Amino acid sequence: MASAILMLIDPKKYGVIDIRVWQLLYKIGSVTTNPKGINFTFQEWYRYLKIIQFFSKKYKVKARDIERTLFLVHKIYQDGRLYSS
């Protein structure tokens, strides 16, 4: 919830930490822990934030735009259920 509040305050700098985005980053090797993308630690959130901010700066767009784009990419390519039952 904190990442959502930060994103609302400053979408240029922050994106919402999200299971889909995390799973995509895990799949491409940008993060190496928590393959399911649940119950994030502070260190995982911080790593996520730094990755999103890196691409935000590189492509001169808001961090929120990077996060949303990765979310949509995961949604397109996802096989099966997002959450295990």
N, C-alpha and C. Protein backbone atom coordinates (compact mmCIF):
# COMPACT_ATOMS: atom_id res chain seq x y z
N MET A 1 0.82 -1.18 0.00
CA MET A 1 0.00 0.00 0.00
C MET A 1 0.87 1.25 0.00
N ALA A 2 2.01 1.19 0.67
CA ALA A 2 2.89 2.36 0.73
C ALA A 2 3.37 2.75 -0.66
N SER A 3 3.67 1.76 -1.52
CA SER A 3 4.15 2.10 -2.86
C SER A 3 3.05 2.79 -3.67
N ALA A 4 1.80 2.45 -3.44
CA ALA A 4 0.69 3.10 -4.12
C ALA A 4 0.56 4.56 -3.68
N ILE A 5 0.75 4.81 -2.41
CA ILE A 5 0.69 6.19 -1.89
C ILE A 5 1.83 7.02 -2.47
N LEU A 6 3.04 6.44 -2.48
CA LEU A 6 4.18 7.16 -3.05
C LEU A 6 3.96 7.46 -4.52
N MET A 7 3.40 6.51 -5.26
CA MET A 7 3.13 6.72 -6.67
C MET A 7 2.13 7.86 -6.87
N LEU A 8 1.11 7.92 -6.02
CA LEU A 8 0.14 9.01 -6.14
C LEU A 8 0.76 10.36 -5.85
N ILE A 9 1.70 10.38 -4.92
CA ILE A 9 2.38 11.63 -4.55
C ILE A 9 3.34 12.06 -5.64
N ASP A 10 4.09 11.10 -6.22
CA ASP A 10 5.11 11.45 -7.21
C ASP A 10 5.27 10.34 -8.26
N PRO A 11 4.38 10.29 -9.26
CA PRO A 11 4.43 9.23 -10.27
C PRO A 11 5.67 9.29 -11.16
N LYS A 12 6.36 10.42 -11.17
CA LYS A 12 7.61 10.50 -11.94
C LYS A 12 8.68 9.62 -11.30
N LYS A 13 8.64 9.52 -9.99
CA LYS A 13 9.70 8.85 -9.24
C LYS A 13 9.32 7.44 -8.78
N TYR A 14 8.03 7.18 -8.58
CA TYR A 14 7.59 5.92 -7.98
C TYR A 14 6.57 5.20 -8.85
N GLY A 15 6.65 3.87 -8.82
CA GLY A 15 5.63 3.01 -9.40
C GLY A 15 5.10 2.12 -8.29
N VAL A 16 3.99 1.48 -8.54
CA VAL A 16 3.40 0.58 -7.55
C VAL A 16 4.08 -0.78 -7.68
N ILE A 17 4.53 -1.35 -6.57
CA ILE A 17 5.10 -2.69 -6.64
C ILE A 17 3.96 -3.66 -6.93
N ASP A 18 4.21 -4.55 -7.88
CA ASP A 18 3.12 -5.37 -8.38
C ASP A 18 3.61 -6.78 -8.67
N ILE A 19 2.78 -7.76 -8.38
CA ILE A 19 3.11 -9.16 -8.59
C ILE A 19 3.46 -9.44 -10.05
N ARG A 20 2.70 -8.87 -10.98
CA ARG A 20 2.96 -9.11 -12.40
C ARG A 20 4.32 -8.55 -12.82
N VAL A 21 4.59 -7.33 -12.42
CA VAL A 21 5.85 -6.70 -12.81
C VAL A 21 7.01 -7.45 -12.18
N TRP A 22 6.88 -7.82 -10.91
CA TRP A 22 7.94 -8.57 -10.23
C TRP A 22 8.20 -9.90 -10.94
N GLN A 23 7.14 -10.63 -11.27
CA GLN A 23 7.31 -11.92 -11.94
C GLN A 23 8.01 -11.76 -13.28
N LEU A 24 7.69 -10.70 -14.00
CA LEU A 24 8.35 -10.44 -15.28
C LEU A 24 9.83 -10.11 -15.05
N LEU A 25 10.13 -9.27 -14.08
CA LEU A 25 11.52 -8.95 -13.77
C LEU A 25 12.29 -10.19 -13.33
N TYR A 26 11.63 -11.07 -12.61
CA TYR A 26 12.25 -12.32 -12.19
C TYR A 26 12.55 -13.20 -13.41
N LYS A 27 11.60 -13.28 -14.30
CA LYS A 27 11.75 -14.13 -15.49
C LYS A 27 12.92 -13.68 -16.37
N ILE A 28 13.14 -12.39 -16.45
CA ILE A 28 14.24 -11.89 -17.29
C ILE A 28 15.54 -11.74 -16.52
N GLY A 29 15.51 -12.08 -15.22
CA GLY A 29 16.74 -12.09 -14.43
C GLY A 29 17.13 -10.78 -13.78
N SER A 30 16.25 -9.80 -13.81
CA SER A 30 16.56 -8.51 -13.17
C SER A 30 16.47 -8.58 -11.66
N VAL A 31 15.64 -9.50 -11.16
CA VAL A 31 15.59 -9.80 -9.73
C VAL A 31 15.77 -11.31 -9.58
N THR A 32 16.31 -11.73 -8.46
CA THR A 32 16.65 -13.15 -8.31
C THR A 32 16.00 -13.80 -7.10
N THR A 33 15.13 -13.09 -6.41
CA THR A 33 14.45 -13.64 -5.25
C THR A 33 12.94 -13.57 -5.47
N ASN A 34 12.20 -14.34 -4.69
CA ASN A 34 10.75 -14.25 -4.64
C ASN A 34 10.09 -14.43 -6.02
N PRO A 35 10.27 -15.60 -6.64
CA PRO A 35 9.72 -15.81 -7.99
C PRO A 35 8.21 -15.61 -8.10
N LYS A 36 7.46 -15.83 -7.04
CA LYS A 36 6.01 -15.65 -7.09
C LYS A 36 5.60 -14.18 -6.95
N GLY A 37 6.50 -13.34 -6.44
CA GLY A 37 6.19 -11.93 -6.30
C GLY A 37 5.16 -11.61 -5.23
N ILE A 38 5.28 -12.29 -4.08
CA ILE A 38 4.36 -12.01 -2.97
C ILE A 38 5.15 -11.78 -1.70
N ASN A 39 4.54 -11.10 -0.76
CA ASN A 39 5.17 -10.82 0.55
C ASN A 39 6.55 -10.21 0.39
N PHE A 40 6.61 -9.06 -0.23
CA PHE A 40 7.88 -8.40 -0.51
C PHE A 40 8.58 -7.91 0.76
N THR A 41 9.89 -8.03 0.76
CA THR A 41 10.70 -7.43 1.82
C THR A 41 11.01 -5.99 1.43
N PHE A 42 11.52 -5.23 2.36
CA PHE A 42 11.94 -3.86 2.04
C PHE A 42 13.03 -3.88 0.98
N GLN A 43 13.98 -4.79 1.10
CA GLN A 43 15.08 -4.88 0.14
C GLN A 43 14.56 -5.19 -1.27
N GLU A 44 13.55 -6.04 -1.35
CA GLU A 44 12.97 -6.36 -2.66
C GLU A 44 12.25 -5.14 -3.24
N TRP A 45 11.51 -4.45 -2.41
CA TRP A 45 10.84 -3.24 -2.87
C TRP A 45 11.86 -2.21 -3.36
N TYR A 46 12.93 -2.05 -2.62
CA TYR A 46 13.95 -1.07 -2.98
C TYR A 46 14.61 -1.45 -4.31
N ARG A 47 14.92 -2.71 -4.49
CA ARG A 47 15.50 -3.20 -5.75
C ARG A 47 14.54 -2.91 -6.90
N TYR A 48 13.28 -3.23 -6.72
CA TYR A 48 12.23 -2.96 -7.70
C TYR A 48 12.20 -1.48 -8.06
N LEU A 49 12.18 -0.64 -7.05
CA LEU A 49 12.14 0.80 -7.25
C LEU A 49 13.32 1.28 -8.08
N LYS A 50 14.52 0.80 -7.76
CA LYS A 50 15.73 1.22 -8.48
C LYS A 50 15.68 0.78 -9.94
N ILE A 51 15.16 -0.40 -10.21
CA ILE A 51 15.04 -0.87 -11.60
C ILE A 51 14.06 0.01 -12.36
N ILE A 52 12.90 0.27 -11.77
CA ILE A 52 11.89 1.11 -12.41
C ILE A 52 12.44 2.52 -12.64
N GLN A 53 13.13 3.07 -11.67
CA GLN A 53 13.69 4.41 -11.82
C GLN A 53 14.79 4.46 -12.87
N PHE A 54 15.58 3.39 -12.98
CA PHE A 54 16.63 3.33 -14.01
C PHE A 54 16.02 3.47 -15.40
N PHE A 55 14.99 2.65 -15.68
CA PHE A 55 14.36 2.70 -16.99
C PHE A 55 13.57 3.99 -17.21
N SER A 56 13.03 4.52 -16.15
CA SER A 56 12.33 5.80 -16.23
C SER A 56 13.28 6.90 -16.70
N LYS A 57 14.44 6.93 -16.11
CA LYS A 57 15.44 7.93 -16.47
C LYS A 57 15.98 7.68 -17.88
N LYS A 58 16.24 6.42 -18.19
CA LYS A 58 16.80 6.06 -19.50
C LYS A 58 15.86 6.46 -20.64
N TYR A 59 14.56 6.23 -20.46
CA TYR A 59 13.59 6.51 -21.52
C TYR A 59 12.85 7.83 -21.34
N LYS A 60 13.23 8.57 -20.29
CA LYS A 60 12.66 9.90 -20.04
C LYS A 60 11.13 9.87 -19.94
N VAL A 61 10.65 8.93 -19.14
CA VAL A 61 9.22 8.81 -18.86
C VAL A 61 9.04 8.66 -17.35
N LYS A 62 7.81 8.71 -16.89
CA LYS A 62 7.53 8.54 -15.47
C LYS A 62 7.78 7.09 -15.05
N ALA A 63 8.18 6.92 -13.81
CA ALA A 63 8.34 5.57 -13.26
C ALA A 63 7.03 4.80 -13.37
N ARG A 64 5.93 5.47 -13.17
CA ARG A 64 4.62 4.85 -13.27
C ARG A 64 4.39 4.29 -14.67
N ASP A 65 4.88 4.99 -15.70
CA ASP A 65 4.73 4.52 -17.08
C ASP A 65 5.51 3.22 -17.31
N ILE A 66 6.70 3.13 -16.75
CA ILE A 66 7.50 1.91 -16.86
C ILE A 66 6.77 0.77 -16.17
N GLU A 67 6.33 1.00 -14.96
CA GLU A 67 5.64 -0.04 -14.18
C GLU A 67 4.38 -0.51 -14.89
N ARG A 68 3.58 0.41 -15.42
CA ARG A 68 2.35 0.03 -16.12
C ARG A 68 2.64 -0.75 -17.39
N THR A 69 3.67 -0.37 -18.12
CA THR A 69 4.04 -1.07 -19.34
C THR A 69 4.45 -2.50 -19.04
N LEU A 70 5.29 -2.69 -18.01
CA LEU A 70 5.70 -4.04 -17.63
C LEU A 70 4.50 -4.86 -17.16
N PHE A 71 3.59 -4.24 -16.46
CA PHE A 71 2.36 -4.89 -16.03
C PHE A 71 1.60 -5.44 -17.23
N LEU A 72 1.43 -4.61 -18.26
CA LEU A 72 0.68 -5.02 -19.44
C LEU A 72 1.40 -6.11 -20.23
N VAL A 73 2.72 -6.04 -20.30
CA VAL A 73 3.49 -7.09 -20.97
C VAL A 73 3.26 -8.42 -20.28
N HIS A 74 3.34 -8.43 -18.96
CA HIS A 74 3.12 -9.68 -18.21
C HIS A 74 1.70 -10.20 -18.49
N LYS A 75 0.74 -9.31 -18.48
CA LYS A 75 -0.66 -9.70 -18.68
C LYS A 75 -0.85 -10.37 -20.05
N ILE A 76 -0.17 -9.87 -21.06
CA ILE A 76 -0.27 -10.43 -22.41
C ILE A 76 0.32 -11.83 -22.47
N TYR A 77 1.46 -12.04 -21.83
CA TYR A 77 2.19 -13.30 -21.97
C TYR A 77 1.96 -14.31 -20.85
N GLN A 78 1.17 -13.98 -19.88
CA GLN A 78 0.93 -14.86 -18.74
C GLN A 78 0.24 -16.15 -19.17
N ASP A 79 0.75 -17.26 -18.68
CA ASP A 79 0.09 -18.55 -18.87
C ASP A 79 -0.52 -18.97 -17.55
N GLY A 80 -1.72 -19.47 -17.56
CA GLY A 80 -2.34 -19.96 -16.35
C GLY A 80 -2.80 -18.86 -15.42
N ARG A 81 -2.98 -19.25 -14.18
CA ARG A 81 -3.51 -18.35 -13.14
C ARG A 81 -2.39 -17.48 -12.58
N LEU A 82 -2.74 -16.26 -12.23
CA LEU A 82 -1.79 -15.36 -11.60
C LEU A 82 -1.51 -15.78 -10.16
N TYR A 83 -2.57 -16.10 -9.44
CA TYR A 83 -2.44 -16.52 -8.05
C TYR A 83 -2.70 -18.01 -7.94
N SER A 84 -1.88 -18.69 -7.16
CA SER A 84 -2.16 -20.12 -6.95
C SER A 84 -3.30 -20.26 -5.96
N SER A 85 -4.07 -21.32 -6.10
CA SER A 85 -5.26 -21.47 -5.24
C SER A 85 -4.92 -22.19 -3.96
